[in-house]
Amino acid sequence: MHNRVVTFNGAKNIDEGVAFVRDTVDTTLSQQKGFRGITVSADRAGGVFGVLTVWETEADRDASEGTSAKMRDQGLEIIGGKMVVETFEETVAEIKSPPVAGSPLTVTRISMDPAKVEGNTAFFKSDVLPRIVASPGFCAVRHMINRQSGKGLVGTVWASETARATAADDAKSRRGEATERGVTFDDITFREIIFADLR
């Protein structure tokens, strides 16, 4: 799978934004070849609004760019703030319970030397993923990476705020292992899922 992630920082109108995604973006992209779903997340206090779309292939994702770009411009007028668009390969998607509105979400930005992407992705699958999945209250995880830049995102969804907080503490204890492997942790945001339509 492949992803497009659109992040609005300094978002002013989150509720209007999610209505636009639900009523216009999701409906339009559903007609595009290879579309496999969309989620919207927000940190209301921090003014962060994120839209993740999932595509069967890189070609399908890229073919939707023209349509997506027009809707992004509309979205920016509605949501406000500064918009950043990123593309990733989805290397891990483990879903125990599909995300629903209100689910707590942790988004961790990572970066590394592109030459280390393959090895670090394998390490995540073999060593990190089993520990995340075994955590109480685990619902879902996505690991996404841009192989050219070495930048990536890891999103984890939890059944409750308590589960997320416990998992966040556990993640801190694992961070040294990743740092030794050349992984840099750039930014962590705590959000909630406010819309999800996954196929």
Protein backbone atom coordinates (compact mmCIF):
# COMPACT_ATOMS: atom_id res chain seq x y z
CA MET A 1 0.00 0.00 0.00
CA HIS A 2 0.98 3.64 -0.45
CA ASN A 3 -0.10 6.77 1.36
CA ARG A 4 -0.57 10.48 0.98
CA VAL A 5 -0.53 12.50 4.19
CA VAL A 6 -1.76 16.10 4.22
CA THR A 7 -1.13 18.04 7.43
CA PHE A 8 -2.55 21.45 8.29
CA ASN A 9 -0.62 23.21 11.05
CA GLY A 10 -2.34 26.19 12.63
CA ALA A 11 -5.75 24.85 11.58
CA LYS A 12 -8.57 27.26 12.40
CA ASN A 13 -11.74 25.39 11.41
CA ILE A 14 -11.38 21.71 12.29
CA ASP A 15 -15.09 20.83 12.39
CA GLU A 16 -15.70 22.48 9.01
CA GLY A 17 -12.66 20.66 7.69
CA VAL A 18 -13.84 17.21 8.70
CA ALA A 19 -17.26 17.91 7.18
CA PHE A 20 -15.55 18.84 3.90
CA VAL A 21 -13.48 15.64 3.94
CA ARG A 22 -16.49 13.48 4.78
CA ASP A 23 -18.91 15.01 2.30
CA THR A 24 -16.60 15.91 -0.60
CA VAL A 25 -13.11 14.41 -0.41
CA ASP A 26 -14.08 10.87 0.61
CA THR A 27 -16.91 10.74 -1.92
CA THR A 28 -14.68 11.98 -4.74
CA LEU A 29 -11.67 9.80 -3.98
CA SER A 30 -13.90 6.73 -3.64
CA GLN A 31 -14.30 6.92 -7.41
CA GLN A 32 -10.53 6.81 -8.00
CA LYS A 33 -8.78 3.56 -8.94
CA GLY A 34 -6.94 1.91 -6.08
CA PHE A 35 -8.43 4.05 -3.28
CA ARG A 36 -8.46 2.06 -0.03
CA GLY A 37 -9.63 4.57 2.53
CA ILE A 38 -9.16 7.77 4.46
CA THR A 39 -8.75 8.85 8.06
CA VAL A 40 -8.80 12.32 9.57
CA SER A 41 -7.12 13.15 12.88
CA ALA A 42 -6.76 16.32 14.90
CA ASP A 43 -5.01 17.88 17.85
CA ARG A 44 -7.54 20.59 18.56
CA ALA A 45 -5.47 22.36 21.19
CA GLY A 46 -2.39 22.36 18.96
CA GLY A 47 -4.23 23.31 15.77
CA VAL A 48 -3.14 20.20 13.87
CA PHE A 49 -5.43 18.61 11.26
CA GLY A 50 -4.19 15.53 9.39
CA VAL A 51 -5.65 13.61 6.46
CA LEU A 52 -4.30 10.16 5.54
CA THR A 53 -5.34 8.45 2.32
CA VAL A 54 -4.46 4.85 1.50
CA TRP A 55 -3.85 3.57 -2.03
CA GLU A 56 -3.30 0.10 -3.43
CA THR A 57 -0.27 1.11 -5.52
CA GLU A 58 2.07 4.03 -5.92
CA ALA A 59 0.75 4.51 -9.46
CA ASP A 60 -2.85 4.72 -8.20
CA ARG A 61 -1.87 7.31 -5.60
CA ASP A 62 0.07 9.40 -8.08
CA ALA A 63 -2.72 9.20 -10.68
CA SER A 64 -5.10 10.79 -8.16
CA GLU A 65 -2.84 13.81 -7.62
CA GLY A 66 -4.67 16.14 -10.00
CA THR A 67 -8.03 15.53 -8.33
CA SER A 68 -6.51 15.59 -4.85
CA ALA A 69 -4.64 18.86 -5.43
CA LYS A 70 -7.84 20.73 -6.35
CA MET A 71 -9.57 19.51 -3.18
CA ARG A 72 -6.52 20.36 -1.06
CA ASP A 73 -6.74 23.97 -2.24
CA GLN A 74 -10.40 24.03 -1.24
CA GLY A 75 -9.55 22.42 2.07
CA LEU A 76 -6.90 25.00 2.84
CA GLU A 77 -9.42 27.80 2.36
CA ILE A 78 -11.79 26.07 4.79
CA ILE A 79 -9.34 24.78 7.41
CA GLY A 80 -6.71 27.51 7.35
CA GLY A 81 -3.14 27.30 8.56
CA LYS A 82 -0.15 25.99 6.62
CA MET A 83 -0.46 22.83 4.53
CA VAL A 84 2.23 20.15 4.05
CA VAL A 85 1.81 17.24 1.62
CA GLU A 86 3.88 14.06 1.96
CA THR A 87 3.92 10.66 0.26
CA PHE A 88 4.99 7.37 1.78
CA GLU A 89 5.16 3.64 1.24
CA GLU A 90 3.14 1.79 3.87
CA THR A 91 5.48 -0.90 5.16
CA VAL A 92 3.34 -2.09 8.08
CA ALA A 93 -0.40 -1.97 8.71
CA GLU A 94 -1.68 -4.00 11.64
CA ILE A 95 -5.33 -3.39 12.51
CA LYS A 96 -6.90 -5.21 15.43
CA SER A 97 -9.85 -2.84 15.76
CA PRO A 98 -10.57 -0.34 12.97
CA PRO A 99 -10.11 3.29 14.05
CA VAL A 100 -13.33 5.13 14.87
CA ALA A 101 -14.13 8.73 15.71
CA GLY A 102 -12.83 9.50 19.18
CA SER A 103 -10.00 6.95 19.16
CA PRO A 104 -6.74 8.32 20.63
CA LEU A 105 -3.90 8.48 18.09
CA THR A 106 -0.17 9.01 18.51
CA VAL A 107 1.77 10.18 15.45
CA THR A 108 5.56 9.91 15.61
CA ARG A 109 7.76 11.44 12.94
CA ILE A 110 11.02 9.64 12.24
CA SER A 111 13.97 10.11 9.92
CA MET A 112 17.04 8.12 8.98
CA ASP A 113 19.68 7.67 6.30
CA PRO A 114 17.84 6.26 3.26
CA ALA A 115 20.48 3.54 3.10
CA LYS A 116 19.22 2.28 6.48
CA VAL A 117 15.52 2.15 5.59
CA GLU A 118 15.46 -1.53 4.66
CA GLY A 119 17.27 -2.70 7.78
CA ASN A 120 15.34 -0.45 10.15
CA THR A 121 12.01 -1.45 8.63
CA ALA A 122 12.90 -5.11 9.14
CA PHE A 123 13.85 -4.33 12.76
CA PHE A 124 10.53 -2.56 13.31
CA LYS A 125 8.61 -5.58 12.00
CA SER A 126 10.56 -8.17 13.96
CA ASP A 127 11.24 -6.40 17.26
CA VAL A 128 9.09 -3.29 17.72
CA LEU A 129 5.78 -4.33 16.16
CA PRO A 130 5.18 -7.37 18.42
CA ARG A 131 5.63 -5.19 21.50
CA ILE A 132 3.22 -2.55 20.22
CA VAL A 133 0.58 -5.14 19.29
CA ALA A 134 0.89 -6.81 22.70
CA SER A 135 0.26 -3.54 24.56
CA PRO A 136 -3.07 -3.28 26.44
CA GLY A 137 -5.65 -1.31 24.50
CA PHE A 138 -3.87 -1.61 21.14
CA CYS A 139 -6.14 -1.00 18.13
CA ALA A 140 -3.97 -0.29 15.08
CA VAL A 141 -0.54 0.74 13.82
CA ARG A 142 0.78 2.07 10.50
CA HIS A 143 4.46 2.43 9.67
CA MET A 144 5.09 4.61 6.61
CA ILE A 145 8.40 5.59 5.03
CA ASN A 146 9.69 7.58 2.10
CA ARG A 147 12.61 5.51 0.85
CA GLN A 148 14.16 8.43 -1.02
CA SER A 149 14.25 10.92 1.87
CA GLY A 150 14.40 8.50 4.80
CA LYS A 151 11.53 10.35 6.49
CA GLY A 152 8.57 8.48 7.89
CA LEU A 153 5.56 8.37 10.17
CA VAL A 154 4.38 5.84 12.71
CA GLY A 155 0.75 6.11 13.79
CA THR A 156 -0.71 4.07 16.65
CA VAL A 157 -4.39 3.99 17.63
CA TRP A 158 -5.56 3.07 21.13
CA ALA A 159 -8.77 2.10 22.86
CA SER A 160 -8.45 4.78 25.55
CA GLU A 161 -6.32 7.70 26.73
CA THR A 162 -4.98 5.50 29.53
CA ALA A 163 -3.82 2.87 27.04
CA ARG A 164 -2.18 5.52 24.90
CA ALA A 165 -0.37 7.09 27.84
CA THR A 166 0.94 3.72 28.99
CA ALA A 167 2.09 2.88 25.47
CA ALA A 168 3.81 6.26 25.14
CA ASP A 169 5.83 5.55 28.28
CA ASP A 170 6.78 2.12 26.94
CA ALA A 171 7.82 3.68 23.63
CA LYS A 172 10.25 6.00 25.41
CA SER A 173 12.04 2.99 26.87
CA ARG A 174 12.52 1.54 23.37
CA ARG A 175 13.74 4.74 21.76
CA GLY A 176 17.39 4.14 22.61
CA GLU A 177 17.45 0.97 20.51
CA ALA A 178 16.17 2.86 17.48
CA THR A 179 18.56 5.77 18.05
CA GLU A 180 21.47 3.35 18.04
CA ARG A 181 20.26 2.16 14.63
CA GLY A 182 20.36 5.72 13.27
CA VAL A 183 16.68 6.62 13.71
CA THR A 184 15.93 10.21 14.71
CA PHE A 185 12.64 11.08 16.41
CA ASP A 186 11.59 14.43 14.98
CA ASP A 187 8.14 15.17 16.40
CA ILE A 188 5.37 13.43 18.33
CA THR A 189 1.76 14.59 18.35
CA PHE A 190 -1.18 13.27 20.33
CA ARG A 191 -4.44 13.45 18.41
CA GLU A 192 -7.86 11.89 18.12
CA ILE A 193 -9.41 10.23 15.10
CA ILE A 194 -12.32 12.40 13.98
CA PHE A 195 -13.31 10.53 10.80
CA ALA A 196 -12.44 7.15 9.30
CA ASP A 197 -13.59 5.30 6.19
CA LEU A 198 -11.28 2.35 5.47
CA ARG A 199 -11.95 -0.37 2.88
